[in-house]
């Protein structure tokens, strides 16, 4: 009886591509879970919960994400104010991009990764500064609408450029940071918006 020939082994490149697909799918699941946890913790923040900047009032933890969510939301609101919500939003956007491009072969590039991190930092610096100088202080935020980072950035920009110059500078940095982090083309967005408006009209 003739022996069956073993099936040919797939080339190394095919195995690497398959592994890359699986890793991207796993990264999407992880990013999505982290994003939902962050949003849940921030949305259910309660200043009476124990946290990094407060000991609480001694009752039960009201945060929907438990004691971990209470500490997390307190730290992020203290540092970034309302702009803490940008973390789950931007992370969710990157997770969606990973899911959308999961079948495209791509190698990790440290340069692109560094550019993404730089864009994210620009977004957070400018957004917290804008929030600090434009949003009226409200109760519930440990360190104001822009957090500690917003106070540093906003006050420094006000001292150097006055209110109008500070707003223009921070807005330009915000748009530039969003462009770097998300690969969003504002000109293309305006063009598509105009086309949709004309089509709807």
Foldseek 3Di string as FASTA:
>chain_A
DDDDDDDDDDDPVVVVLVVQLVVLVVLLVVLLVVLVLQVQLQVQADPQACEDVDHHDPDAHRRPNHNVSNHVNLVLLQAFAPCSNVVSVLSNLVSVVSVVCSNPDDDDDPVLVVLLVVLVVLQRLLVLLCQQLPPDFDPDRPATRGHPSNVVSNVVLCVVPNDVGSNVVSVVSNVVSCCSNNVDDPVVVVVVVVVVVVVVD
